[in-house]
Every structure is written in structure tokens, then in C-alpha cells.
Amino acid sequence: MTSILAFLGAALMEISGCFAFWAWLRLGKSALWLIPGLVALALFAYLLTLVDSPFAGRAYAAYGGIYIACALVWGWTVEGHRPDIWDAVGAAICLVGMAVILFGPRTMAA
């Protein structure tokens, strides 16, 4: 459960941090948007270290599924772009992959 919460927090921080750059470069917002954006990106990196995984690469791979689903929710809630059926199916596939990576049985050598 801690890993899922860390992933959700990391996704929110990564998406909001990247959106700050998007807002500056694509939406003409002030460069001051970069300050909270950089803080959010630093928090994103920190939150990923809280994931219960002995390997960073495995944690990052599992995080991908959560990120994709959260990015679609962000697009819907912040940008007003409702995901279609293919967005939902794709996100579901990614979440299944995340669960396999994160919760699959491991031998001690893995």
C-alpha cells in the first residue's frame, strides 16, 4: 500500500512539475511557474525512493502504469479532456503490467 501511495504522489508531482514547464513554454505563462515546477519534480524523485523495491529500475517500470493512469485523470480534471475508451483500455493494460511487476512472486535472487 505504501508503494501505491508513493506512486500516486510521485505521479501527481511529476505531472504537475512537467505541466509547469508546459504552461510556461506552450501557454505563455510566467517563468515563475518554473519554481513550483522544479520543487514538484524534486518531490517526484524523492517519492519514488519510498517504493518498496530493491531495484530502482523495477520501481520505475512499475511506476509507469500509475503515471499513465494519472496523466489521463490529470488531462480530464485539469485540462478538460475526457479520456475515450481506448485511453481507458490502454491505462488498464498498463495498470495490470504495473501490478505484475510490483507484486509478482520473486525468488531471493531476483
C-alpha atoms as a PDB file:
ATOM      1  CA  MET A   1       0.000   0.000   0.000  1.00  0.00           C
ATOM      2  CA  THR A   2       2.876   2.366   0.779  1.00  0.00           C
ATOM      3  CA  SER A   3       4.281   1.811  -2.698  1.00  0.00           C
ATOM      4  CA  ILE A   4       0.959   2.646  -4.352  1.00  0.00           C
ATOM      5  CA  LEU A   5       0.658   5.861  -2.315  1.00  0.00           C
ATOM      6  CA  ALA A   6       4.247   6.778  -3.186  1.00  0.00           C
ATOM      7  CA  PHE A   7       3.493   6.126  -6.867  1.00  0.00           C
ATOM      8  CA  LEU A   8       0.342   8.252  -6.752  1.00  0.00           C
ATOM      9  CA  GLY A   9       2.183  11.112  -5.056  1.00  0.00           C
ATOM     10  CA  ALA A  10       5.086  10.797  -7.483  1.00  0.00           C
ATOM     11  CA  ALA A  11       2.723  10.876 -10.449  1.00  0.00           C
ATOM     12  CA  LEU A  12       0.984  13.997  -9.179  1.00  0.00           C
ATOM     13  CA  MET A  13       4.333  15.699  -8.617  1.00  0.00           C
ATOM     14  CA  GLU A  14       5.801  14.653 -11.979  1.00  0.00           C
ATOM     15  CA  ILE A  15       2.735  15.653 -13.954  1.00  0.00           C
ATOM     16  CA  SER A  16       2.329  18.979 -12.171  1.00  0.00           C
ATOM     17  CA  GLY A  17       6.044  19.730 -12.461  1.00  0.00           C
ATOM     18  CA  CYS A  18       6.064  18.980 -16.172  1.00  0.00           C
ATOM     19  CA  PHE A  19       2.821  20.898 -16.621  1.00  0.00           C
ATOM     20  CA  ALA A  20       4.528  23.969 -15.136  1.00  0.00           C
ATOM     21  CA  PHE A  21       7.055  23.820 -17.987  1.00  0.00           C
ATOM     22  CA  TRP A  22       4.226  23.203 -20.474  1.00  0.00           C
ATOM     23  CA  ALA A  23       2.358  26.231 -19.124  1.00  0.00           C
ATOM     24  CA  TRP A  24       5.457  28.406 -19.427  1.00  0.00           C
ATOM     25  CA  LEU A  25       6.514  27.286 -22.901  1.00  0.00           C
ATOM     26  CA  ARG A  26       3.194  26.424 -24.552  1.00  0.00           C
ATOM     27  CA  LEU A  27       0.601  28.513 -22.731  1.00  0.00           C
ATOM     28  CA  GLY A  28       2.616  31.705 -22.313  1.00  0.00           C
ATOM     29  CA  LYS A  29       2.599  31.665 -18.507  1.00  0.00           C
ATOM     30  CA  SER A  30       5.241  33.448 -16.456  1.00  0.00           C
ATOM     31  CA  ALA A  31       8.640  31.842 -15.962  1.00  0.00           C
ATOM     32  CA  LEU A  32       7.797  31.952 -12.251  1.00  0.00           C
ATOM     33  CA  TRP A  33       5.757  28.801 -12.914  1.00  0.00           C
ATOM     34  CA  LEU A  34       9.104  27.022 -13.114  1.00  0.00           C
ATOM     35  CA  ILE A  35       9.800  27.463  -9.384  1.00  0.00           C
ATOM     36  CA  PRO A  36       6.953  25.259  -8.120  1.00  0.00           C
ATOM     37  CA  GLY A  37       7.522  23.035 -11.138  1.00  0.00           C
ATOM     38  CA  LEU A  38      11.101  22.318 -10.104  1.00  0.00           C
ATOM     39  CA  VAL A  39      10.048  21.720  -6.493  1.00  0.00           C
ATOM     40  CA  ALA A  40       7.396  19.277  -7.702  1.00  0.00           C
ATOM     41  CA  LEU A  41       9.926  17.417  -9.855  1.00  0.00           C
ATOM     42  CA  ALA A  42      12.317  17.124  -6.904  1.00  0.00           C
ATOM     43  CA  LEU A  43       9.472  15.741  -4.768  1.00  0.00           C
ATOM     44  CA  PHE A  44       8.633  13.308  -7.578  1.00  0.00           C
ATOM     45  CA  ALA A  45      12.167  11.888  -7.465  1.00  0.00           C
ATOM     46  CA  TYR A  46      12.103  11.657  -3.674  1.00  0.00           C
ATOM     47  CA  LEU A  47       8.728   9.886  -3.594  1.00  0.00           C
ATOM     48  CA  LEU A  48       9.978   7.176  -5.940  1.00  0.00           C
ATOM     49  CA  THR A  49      12.681   6.318  -3.396  1.00  0.00           C
ATOM     50  CA  LEU A  50       9.905   5.353  -0.946  1.00  0.00           C
ATOM     51  CA  VAL A  51       8.721   2.463  -3.128  1.00  0.00           C
ATOM     52  CA  ASP A  52       9.320  -0.957  -1.617  1.00  0.00           C
ATOM     53  CA  SER A  53      11.595  -2.365  -4.311  1.00  0.00           C
ATOM     54  CA  PRO A  54      15.223  -3.468  -4.088  1.00  0.00           C
ATOM     55  CA  PHE A  55      15.895  -2.186  -7.629  1.00  0.00           C
ATOM     56  CA  ALA A  56      15.320   1.314  -8.954  1.00  0.00           C
ATOM     57  CA  GLY A  57      14.633   0.076 -12.485  1.00  0.00           C
ATOM     58  CA  ARG A  58      11.862  -2.215 -11.288  1.00  0.00           C
ATOM     59  CA  ALA A  59      10.287   0.608  -9.265  1.00  0.00           C
ATOM     60  CA  TYR A  60      10.436   2.945 -12.273  1.00  0.00           C
ATOM     61  CA  ALA A  61       8.947   0.305 -14.575  1.00  0.00           C
ATOM     62  CA  ALA A  62       6.048  -0.360 -12.199  1.00  0.00           C
ATOM     63  CA  TYR A  63       5.539   3.394 -11.750  1.00  0.00           C
ATOM     64  CA  GLY A  64       4.875   3.740 -15.475  1.00  0.00           C
ATOM     65  CA  GLY A  65       1.414   2.191 -15.188  1.00  0.00           C
ATOM     66  CA  ILE A  66       0.372   4.526 -12.387  1.00  0.00           C
ATOM     67  CA  TYR A  67       1.802   7.514 -14.262  1.00  0.00           C
ATOM     68  CA  ILE A  68      -0.210   6.742 -17.392  1.00  0.00           C
ATOM     69  CA  ALA A  69      -3.479   6.405 -15.499  1.00  0.00           C
ATOM     70  CA  CYS A  70      -2.811   9.575 -13.501  1.00  0.00           C
ATOM     71  CA  ALA A  71      -1.888  11.505 -16.648  1.00  0.00           C
ATOM     72  CA  LEU A  72      -5.284  10.646 -18.130  1.00  0.00           C
ATOM     73  CA  VAL A  73      -7.031  11.749 -14.933  1.00  0.00           C
ATOM     74  CA  TRP A  74      -4.984  14.993 -14.998  1.00  0.00           C
ATOM     75  CA  GLY A  75      -5.993  15.645 -18.594  1.00  0.00           C
ATOM     76  CA  TRP A  76      -9.625  15.153 -17.661  1.00  0.00           C
ATOM     77  CA  THR A  77      -9.701  17.124 -14.396  1.00  0.00           C
ATOM     78  CA  VAL A  78      -7.222  19.918 -15.151  1.00  0.00           C
ATOM     79  CA  GLU A  79      -7.383  20.287 -18.925  1.00  0.00           C
ATOM     80  CA  GLY A  80     -10.957  19.189 -19.534  1.00  0.00           C
ATOM     81  CA  HIS A  81     -10.045  16.425 -21.993  1.00  0.00           C
ATOM     82  CA  ARG A  82     -12.176  13.375 -21.209  1.00  0.00           C
ATOM     83  CA  PRO A  83     -10.398  10.063 -21.911  1.00  0.00           C
ATOM     84  CA  ASP A  84     -12.042   7.848 -24.501  1.00  0.00           C
ATOM     85  CA  ILE A  85     -12.494   4.085 -24.369  1.00  0.00           C
ATOM     86  CA  TRP A  86      -9.061   3.469 -25.888  1.00  0.00           C
ATOM     87  CA  ASP A  87      -7.409   5.659 -23.272  1.00  0.00           C
ATOM     88  CA  ALA A  88      -9.177   3.654 -20.548  1.00  0.00           C
ATOM     89  CA  VAL A  89      -8.282   0.277 -22.079  1.00  0.00           C
ATOM     90  CA  GLY A  90      -4.662   1.302 -22.543  1.00  0.00           C
ATOM     91  CA  ALA A  91      -4.416   2.561 -18.961  1.00  0.00           C
ATOM     92  CA  ALA A  92      -5.979  -0.659 -17.658  1.00  0.00           C
ATOM     93  CA  ILE A  93      -3.422  -2.737 -19.560  1.00  0.00           C
ATOM     94  CA  CYS A  94      -0.628  -0.611 -18.099  1.00  0.00           C
ATOM     95  CA  LEU A  95      -2.012  -0.999 -14.568  1.00  0.00           C
ATOM     96  CA  VAL A  96      -2.106  -4.783 -14.974  1.00  0.00           C
ATOM     97  CA  GLY A  97       1.526  -4.640 -16.094  1.00  0.00           C
ATOM     98  CA  MET A  98       2.389  -2.478 -13.094  1.00  0.00           C
ATOM     99  CA  ALA A  99       0.768  -4.989 -10.736  1.00  0.00           C
ATOM    100  CA  VAL A 100       2.669  -7.898 -12.306  1.00  0.00           C
ATOM    101  CA  ILE A 101       5.984  -6.054 -11.982  1.00  0.00           C
ATOM    102  CA  LEU A 102       5.395  -4.803  -8.450  1.00  0.00           C
ATOM    103  CA  PHE A 103       3.533  -7.703  -6.836  1.00  0.00           C
ATOM    104  CA  GLY A 104       4.697 -10.745  -8.797  1.00  0.00           C
ATOM    105  CA  PRO A 105       6.305 -13.502  -6.719  1.00  0.00           C
ATOM    106  CA  ARG A 106      10.084 -13.219  -6.625  1.00  0.00           C
ATOM    107  CA  THR A 107      12.825 -15.623  -5.733  1.00  0.00           C
ATOM    108  CA  MET A 108      15.510 -14.412  -3.366  1.00  0.00           C
ATOM    109  CA  ALA A 109      17.973 -13.979  -6.258  1.00  0.00           C
ATOM    110  CA  ALA A 110      15.647 -11.615  -8.145  1.00  0.00           C
END
